[in-house]
Amino acid sequence: MTPRILILPGSNRLASYNRRLAAEAARLVAATDAVATHLSLTDYPLPLYDADFEDEHGVPENATLLAQHLTAQDGLILVSPEYNTSIPPLVKNTIDWISRVRKVQGRPVQPFRGLVVALASASPGRLGGMRALAALRPVLMSLGAEVITPQCSLADAAHGFDEAGHLTDDHARAALEQMVERLIDHCRVLGRHE
């Protein structure tokens, strides 16, 4: 089985450290026999989740497209910033909308159920976004995702990359490599696709 892995940075800021970390994760996945797909949420804008909006207009097409991407994958690397010690609104809103998708191409789905998820974060602070990752775990698990234990947390991210965008922090690089390896191993065992 060839695992299919989606890499999703949870920031739309062009100079985002999390976008850089996601690019490093995508590079590591691409160096394996897994198939890497790297998306940007800038291509899938969504309104703030509102049940009245959903009742009147239905689930936005971009949420359905993201759900379609997810259901085609065995694994997800979600690279999220930390805002005020928790999940940033862009990431939470995206998860909330995707969780409302019930059908993809006419088939019933639960986009996160059985998806193997790895979490990573980069932050200019000393904790490297660890509190956001801790907050994301129960959210994703409640939706049926299999969130693996290894994660990557890059502190002092302003100094964490060289000019080519590669990690300079040895600890973070080792953590990212272990996380990607474990994710792919879990996808081989638990993968949703044969």
C-alpha atoms as a PDB file:
ATOM      1  CA  MET A   1       0.000   0.000   0.000  1.00  0.00           C
ATOM      2  CA  THR A   2       1.254   3.473  -0.888  1.00  0.00           C
ATOM      3  CA  PRO A   3       0.066   5.931   1.773  1.00  0.00           C
ATOM      4  CA  ARG A   4      -1.479   9.182   0.619  1.00  0.00           C
ATOM      5  CA  ILE A   5      -0.624  12.112   2.862  1.00  0.00           C
ATOM      6  CA  LEU A   6      -2.132  15.598   2.830  1.00  0.00           C
ATOM      7  CA  ILE A   7       0.039  18.419   4.202  1.00  0.00           C
ATOM      8  CA  LEU A   8      -1.988  21.416   5.355  1.00  0.00           C
ATOM      9  CA  PRO A   9      -0.513  24.592   6.872  1.00  0.00           C
ATOM     10  CA  GLY A  10      -2.966  26.355   9.153  1.00  0.00           C
ATOM     11  CA  SER A  11      -1.835  29.863   8.242  1.00  0.00           C
ATOM     12  CA  ASN A  12      -2.463  32.011   5.182  1.00  0.00           C
ATOM     13  CA  ARG A  13       0.324  34.495   5.984  1.00  0.00           C
ATOM     14  CA  LEU A  14       2.900  34.382   3.177  1.00  0.00           C
ATOM     15  CA  ALA A  15       5.873  34.623   5.554  1.00  0.00           C
ATOM     16  CA  SER A  16       4.344  32.158   8.031  1.00  0.00           C
ATOM     17  CA  TYR A  17       6.768  29.926   9.925  1.00  0.00           C
ATOM     18  CA  ASN A  18       4.079  27.239   9.810  1.00  0.00           C
ATOM     19  CA  ARG A  19       3.961  27.373   6.017  1.00  0.00           C
ATOM     20  CA  ARG A  20       7.736  26.867   6.031  1.00  0.00           C
ATOM     21  CA  LEU A  21       7.438  23.948   8.441  1.00  0.00           C
ATOM     22  CA  ALA A  22       4.683  22.426   6.290  1.00  0.00           C
ATOM     23  CA  ALA A  23       6.955  22.721   3.249  1.00  0.00           C
ATOM     24  CA  GLU A  24       9.668  20.841   5.156  1.00  0.00           C
ATOM     25  CA  ALA A  25       7.158  18.129   6.097  1.00  0.00           C
ATOM     26  CA  ALA A  26       6.048  17.870   2.457  1.00  0.00           C
ATOM     27  CA  ARG A  27       9.687  17.514   1.371  1.00  0.00           C
ATOM     28  CA  LEU A  28      10.215  14.680   3.863  1.00  0.00           C
ATOM     29  CA  VAL A  29       7.048  12.869   2.740  1.00  0.00           C
ATOM     30  CA  ALA A  30       8.024  13.282  -0.915  1.00  0.00           C
ATOM     31  CA  ALA A  31      11.371  11.606  -0.167  1.00  0.00           C
ATOM     32  CA  THR A  32       9.508   8.408   0.799  1.00  0.00           C
ATOM     33  CA  ASP A  33       7.282   6.148  -1.271  1.00  0.00           C
ATOM     34  CA  ALA A  34       4.198   7.957   0.078  1.00  0.00           C
ATOM     35  CA  VAL A  35       2.232  10.338  -2.146  1.00  0.00           C
ATOM     36  CA  ALA A  36       2.292  13.902  -0.814  1.00  0.00           C
ATOM     37  CA  THR A  37      -0.385  16.505  -1.522  1.00  0.00           C
ATOM     38  CA  HIS A  38       0.326  20.015  -0.230  1.00  0.00           C
ATOM     39  CA  LEU A  39      -2.629  22.422  -0.029  1.00  0.00           C
ATOM     40  CA  SER A  40      -3.036  26.028   1.045  1.00  0.00           C
ATOM     41  CA  LEU A  41      -6.156  27.277   2.811  1.00  0.00           C
ATOM     42  CA  THR A  42      -5.849  30.525   0.846  1.00  0.00           C
ATOM     43  CA  ASP A  43      -7.305  28.525  -2.054  1.00  0.00           C
ATOM     44  CA  TYR A  44     -10.341  27.470   0.027  1.00  0.00           C
ATOM     45  CA  PRO A  45     -11.774  30.555   1.782  1.00  0.00           C
ATOM     46  CA  LEU A  46     -14.696  29.851   4.086  1.00  0.00           C
ATOM     47  CA  PRO A  47     -17.130  32.087   6.003  1.00  0.00           C
ATOM     48  CA  LEU A  48     -17.200  31.824   9.782  1.00  0.00           C
ATOM     49  CA  TYR A  49     -19.206  28.764  10.743  1.00  0.00           C
ATOM     50  CA  ASP A  50     -22.801  29.678  11.501  1.00  0.00           C
ATOM     51  CA  ALA A  51     -25.629  27.143  11.743  1.00  0.00           C
ATOM     52  CA  ASP A  52     -28.110  29.704  10.376  1.00  0.00           C
ATOM     53  CA  PHE A  53     -25.838  30.244   7.355  1.00  0.00           C
ATOM     54  CA  GLU A  54     -25.658  26.472   6.860  1.00  0.00           C
ATOM     55  CA  ASP A  55     -29.446  26.128   7.122  1.00  0.00           C
ATOM     56  CA  GLU A  56     -29.966  28.852   4.531  1.00  0.00           C
ATOM     57  CA  HIS A  57     -27.094  28.183   2.103  1.00  0.00           C
ATOM     58  CA  GLY A  58     -25.855  24.689   2.901  1.00  0.00           C
ATOM     59  CA  VAL A  59     -22.209  23.714   3.360  1.00  0.00           C
ATOM     60  CA  PRO A  60     -19.903  25.947   1.287  1.00  0.00           C
ATOM     61  CA  GLU A  61     -18.387  24.356  -1.798  1.00  0.00           C
ATOM     62  CA  ASN A  62     -14.845  24.919  -0.474  1.00  0.00           C
ATOM     63  CA  ALA A  63     -15.636  22.865   2.644  1.00  0.00           C
ATOM     64  CA  THR A  64     -16.871  20.060   0.396  1.00  0.00           C
ATOM     65  CA  LEU A  65     -13.725  20.299  -1.738  1.00  0.00           C
ATOM     66  CA  LEU A  66     -11.523  20.101   1.351  1.00  0.00           C
ATOM     67  CA  ALA A  67     -13.535  17.131   2.619  1.00  0.00           C
ATOM     68  CA  GLN A  68     -13.071  15.483  -0.765  1.00  0.00           C
ATOM     69  CA  HIS A  69      -9.303  15.958  -0.466  1.00  0.00           C
ATOM     70  CA  LEU A  70      -9.340  14.508   3.057  1.00  0.00           C
ATOM     71  CA  THR A  71     -11.405  11.462   2.190  1.00  0.00           C
ATOM     72  CA  ALA A  72      -8.924  10.615  -0.581  1.00  0.00           C
ATOM     73  CA  GLN A  73      -6.046  10.547   1.951  1.00  0.00           C
ATOM     74  CA  ASP A  74      -4.768   8.054   4.482  1.00  0.00           C
ATOM     75  CA  GLY A  75      -2.988  10.674   6.564  1.00  0.00           C
ATOM     76  CA  LEU A  76      -2.872  14.378   7.335  1.00  0.00           C
ATOM     77  CA  ILE A  77      -0.019  16.556   8.566  1.00  0.00           C
ATOM     78  CA  LEU A  78      -1.653  19.621  10.087  1.00  0.00           C
ATOM     79  CA  VAL A  79       0.831  22.413  10.800  1.00  0.00           C
ATOM     80  CA  SER A  80      -0.897  24.969  12.987  1.00  0.00           C
ATOM     81  CA  PRO A  81       0.147  28.240  14.568  1.00  0.00           C
ATOM     82  CA  GLU A  82      -0.827  29.056  18.135  1.00  0.00           C
ATOM     83  CA  TYR A  83      -3.001  32.089  18.869  1.00  0.00           C
ATOM     84  CA  ASN A  84      -3.392  33.145  22.493  1.00  0.00           C
ATOM     85  CA  THR A  85      -2.403  29.662  23.750  1.00  0.00           C
ATOM     86  CA  SER A  86      -4.924  27.839  21.571  1.00  0.00           C
ATOM     87  CA  ILE A  87      -6.156  26.908  18.079  1.00  0.00           C
ATOM     88  CA  PRO A  88      -6.202  29.784  15.570  1.00  0.00           C
ATOM     89  CA  PRO A  89      -9.615  30.711  14.131  1.00  0.00           C
ATOM     90  CA  LEU A  90      -8.648  29.730  10.565  1.00  0.00           C
ATOM     91  CA  VAL A  91      -7.818  26.164  11.626  1.00  0.00           C
ATOM     92  CA  LYS A  92     -10.820  25.693  13.918  1.00  0.00           C
ATOM     93  CA  ASN A  93     -13.250  27.188  11.396  1.00  0.00           C
ATOM     94  CA  THR A  94     -11.883  24.942   8.643  1.00  0.00           C
ATOM     95  CA  ILE A  95     -12.247  21.842  10.826  1.00  0.00           C
ATOM     96  CA  ASP A  96     -15.758  22.889  11.856  1.00  0.00           C
ATOM     97  CA  TRP A  97     -16.926  23.335   8.263  1.00  0.00           C
ATOM     98  CA  ILE A  98     -15.312  20.117   7.008  1.00  0.00           C
ATOM     99  CA  SER A  99     -16.974  18.219   9.852  1.00  0.00           C
ATOM    100  CA  ARG A 100     -20.376  19.344   8.486  1.00  0.00           C
ATOM    101  CA  VAL A 101     -19.830  17.614   5.117  1.00  0.00           C
ATOM    102  CA  ARG A 102     -21.970  14.465   4.932  1.00  0.00           C
ATOM    103  CA  LYS A 103     -21.566  13.475   1.279  1.00  0.00           C
ATOM    104  CA  VAL A 104     -18.727  13.617  -1.234  1.00  0.00           C
ATOM    105  CA  GLN A 105     -19.546  12.780  -4.841  1.00  0.00           C
ATOM    106  CA  GLY A 106     -22.821  11.224  -3.712  1.00  0.00           C
ATOM    107  CA  ARG A 107     -21.197   8.938  -1.123  1.00  0.00           C
ATOM    108  CA  PRO A 108     -21.811   9.336   2.629  1.00  0.00           C
ATOM    109  CA  VAL A 109     -18.629  10.421   4.437  1.00  0.00           C
ATOM    110  CA  GLN A 110     -17.216  11.381   7.771  1.00  0.00           C
ATOM    111  CA  PRO A 111     -14.095  13.188   6.522  1.00  0.00           C
ATOM    112  CA  PHE A 112     -11.960  12.770   9.657  1.00  0.00           C
ATOM    113  CA  ARG A 113     -13.029   9.241  10.671  1.00  0.00           C
ATOM    114  CA  GLY A 114     -10.086   6.866  10.359  1.00  0.00           C
ATOM    115  CA  LEU A 115      -7.739   9.596   9.113  1.00  0.00           C
ATOM    116  CA  VAL A 116      -4.258   9.284  10.660  1.00  0.00           C
ATOM    117  CA  VAL A 117      -3.160  12.757  11.769  1.00  0.00           C
ATOM    118  CA  ALA A 118       0.219  14.197  12.745  1.00  0.00           C
ATOM    119  CA  LEU A 119       0.475  17.635  14.329  1.00  0.00           C
ATOM    120  CA  ALA A 120       3.224  20.225  14.060  1.00  0.00           C
ATOM    121  CA  SER A 121       3.648  23.867  14.947  1.00  0.00           C
ATOM    122  CA  ALA A 122       6.185  26.662  14.670  1.00  0.00           C
ATOM    123  CA  SER A 123       6.160  29.710  16.893  1.00  0.00           C
ATOM    124  CA  PRO A 124       8.481  32.604  17.663  1.00  0.00           C
ATOM    125  CA  GLY A 125       7.841  31.861  21.347  1.00  0.00           C
ATOM    126  CA  ARG A 126       9.641  29.440  23.646  1.00  0.00           C
ATOM    127  CA  LEU A 127       6.929  26.747  23.634  1.00  0.00           C
ATOM    128  CA  GLY A 128       6.781  26.367  19.873  1.00  0.00           C
ATOM    129  CA  GLY A 129       2.993  26.212  19.632  1.00  0.00           C
ATOM    130  CA  MET A 130       2.654  23.186  21.922  1.00  0.00           C
ATOM    131  CA  ARG A 131      -0.516  24.525  23.569  1.00  0.00           C
ATOM    132  CA  ALA A 132      -2.289  24.773  20.207  1.00  0.00           C
ATOM    133  CA  LEU A 133      -1.288  21.196  19.436  1.00  0.00           C
ATOM    134  CA  ALA A 134      -2.611  20.052  22.813  1.00  0.00           C
ATOM    135  CA  ALA A 135      -5.918  21.808  22.061  1.00  0.00           C
ATOM    136  CA  LEU A 136      -6.167  20.294  18.559  1.00  0.00           C
ATOM    137  CA  ARG A 137      -5.776  16.677  19.684  1.00  0.00           C
ATOM    138  CA  PRO A 138      -9.157  16.261  21.421  1.00  0.00           C
ATOM    139  CA  VAL A 139     -10.978  18.150  18.658  1.00  0.00           C
ATOM    140  CA  LEU A 140      -9.641  15.839  15.948  1.00  0.00           C
ATOM    141  CA  MET A 141     -10.061  12.705  18.049  1.00  0.00           C
ATOM    142  CA  SER A 142     -13.706  13.600  18.734  1.00  0.00           C
ATOM    143  CA  LEU A 143     -14.228  13.582  14.947  1.00  0.00           C
ATOM    144  CA  GLY A 144     -12.791  10.072  14.657  1.00  0.00           C
ATOM    145  CA  ALA A 145      -9.217  10.878  13.615  1.00  0.00           C
ATOM    146  CA  GLU A 146      -6.310   8.730  14.799  1.00  0.00           C
ATOM    147  CA  VAL A 147      -3.887  11.376  16.120  1.00  0.00           C
ATOM    148  CA  ILE A 148      -0.388   9.951  16.530  1.00  0.00           C
ATOM    149  CA  THR A 149       1.754  10.780  19.556  1.00  0.00           C
ATOM    150  CA  PRO A 150       4.932  12.089  17.879  1.00  0.00           C
ATOM    151  CA  GLN A 151       4.666  15.741  16.964  1.00  0.00           C
ATOM    152  CA  CYS A 152       6.987  18.572  15.975  1.00  0.00           C
ATOM    153  CA  SER A 153       7.116  21.835  17.850  1.00  0.00           C
ATOM    154  CA  LEU A 154       9.580  24.487  16.640  1.00  0.00           C
ATOM    155  CA  ALA A 155      10.321  27.221  19.172  1.00  0.00           C
ATOM    156  CA  ASP A 156      12.128  30.470  18.286  1.00  0.00           C
ATOM    157  CA  ALA A 157      10.964  29.912  14.712  1.00  0.00           C
ATOM    158  CA  ALA A 158      12.362  33.246  13.523  1.00  0.00           C
ATOM    159  CA  HIS A 159      15.783  31.586  13.714  1.00  0.00           C
ATOM    160  CA  GLY A 160      14.636  28.052  12.848  1.00  0.00           C
ATOM    161  CA  PHE A 161      15.162  28.023   9.072  1.00  0.00           C
ATOM    162  CA  ASP A 162      18.065  28.685   6.731  1.00  0.00           C
ATOM    163  CA  GLU A 163      17.756  30.760   3.542  1.00  0.00           C
ATOM    164  CA  ALA A 164      16.637  27.673   1.588  1.00  0.00           C
ATOM    165  CA  GLY A 165      13.790  27.114   4.073  1.00  0.00           C
ATOM    166  CA  HIS A 166      15.323  24.033   5.705  1.00  0.00           C
ATOM    167  CA  LEU A 167      15.183  23.521   9.461  1.00  0.00           C
ATOM    168  CA  THR A 168      18.339  24.548  11.308  1.00  0.00           C
ATOM    169  CA  ASP A 169      17.128  23.341  14.702  1.00  0.00           C
ATOM    170  CA  ASP A 170      18.457  19.787  15.138  1.00  0.00           C
ATOM    171  CA  HIS A 171      15.854  18.819  17.742  1.00  0.00           C
ATOM    172  CA  ALA A 172      12.952  20.036  15.590  1.00  0.00           C
ATOM    173  CA  ARG A 173      14.377  18.346  12.479  1.00  0.00           C
ATOM    174  CA  ALA A 174      14.681  15.025  14.327  1.00  0.00           C
ATOM    175  CA  ALA A 175      11.144  15.409  15.711  1.00  0.00           C
ATOM    176  CA  LEU A 176       9.744  16.175  12.254  1.00  0.00           C
ATOM    177  CA  GLU A 177      11.545  13.209  10.696  1.00  0.00           C
ATOM    178  CA  GLN A 178      10.286  10.857  13.429  1.00  0.00           C
ATOM    179  CA  MET A 179       6.754  12.247  13.108  1.00  0.00           C
ATOM    180  CA  VAL A 180       6.663  11.738   9.321  1.00  0.00           C
ATOM    181  CA  GLU A 181       8.105   8.229   9.626  1.00  0.00           C
ATOM    182  CA  ARG A 182       5.579   7.241  12.307  1.00  0.00           C
ATOM    183  CA  LEU A 183       2.692   8.780  10.357  1.00  0.00           C
ATOM    184  CA  ILE A 184       3.547   6.782   7.249  1.00  0.00           C
ATOM    185  CA  ASP A 185       3.934   3.582   9.313  1.00  0.00           C
ATOM    186  CA  HIS A 186       0.519   4.134  10.911  1.00  0.00           C
ATOM    187  CA  CYS A 187      -1.053   4.854   7.531  1.00  0.00           C
ATOM    188  CA  ARG A 188       0.230   1.514   6.257  1.00  0.00           C
ATOM    189  CA  VAL A 189      -1.482  -0.255   9.149  1.00  0.00           C
ATOM    190  CA  LEU A 190      -4.617   1.874   9.524  1.00  0.00           C
ATOM    191  CA  GLY A 191      -4.900   3.384   6.058  1.00  0.00           C
ATOM    192  CA  ARG A 192      -8.348   3.952   4.651  1.00  0.00           C
ATOM    193  CA  HIS A 193      -7.366   2.940   1.111  1.00  0.00           C
ATOM    194  CA  GLU A 194      -5.862  -0.204  -0.327  1.00  0.00           C
END
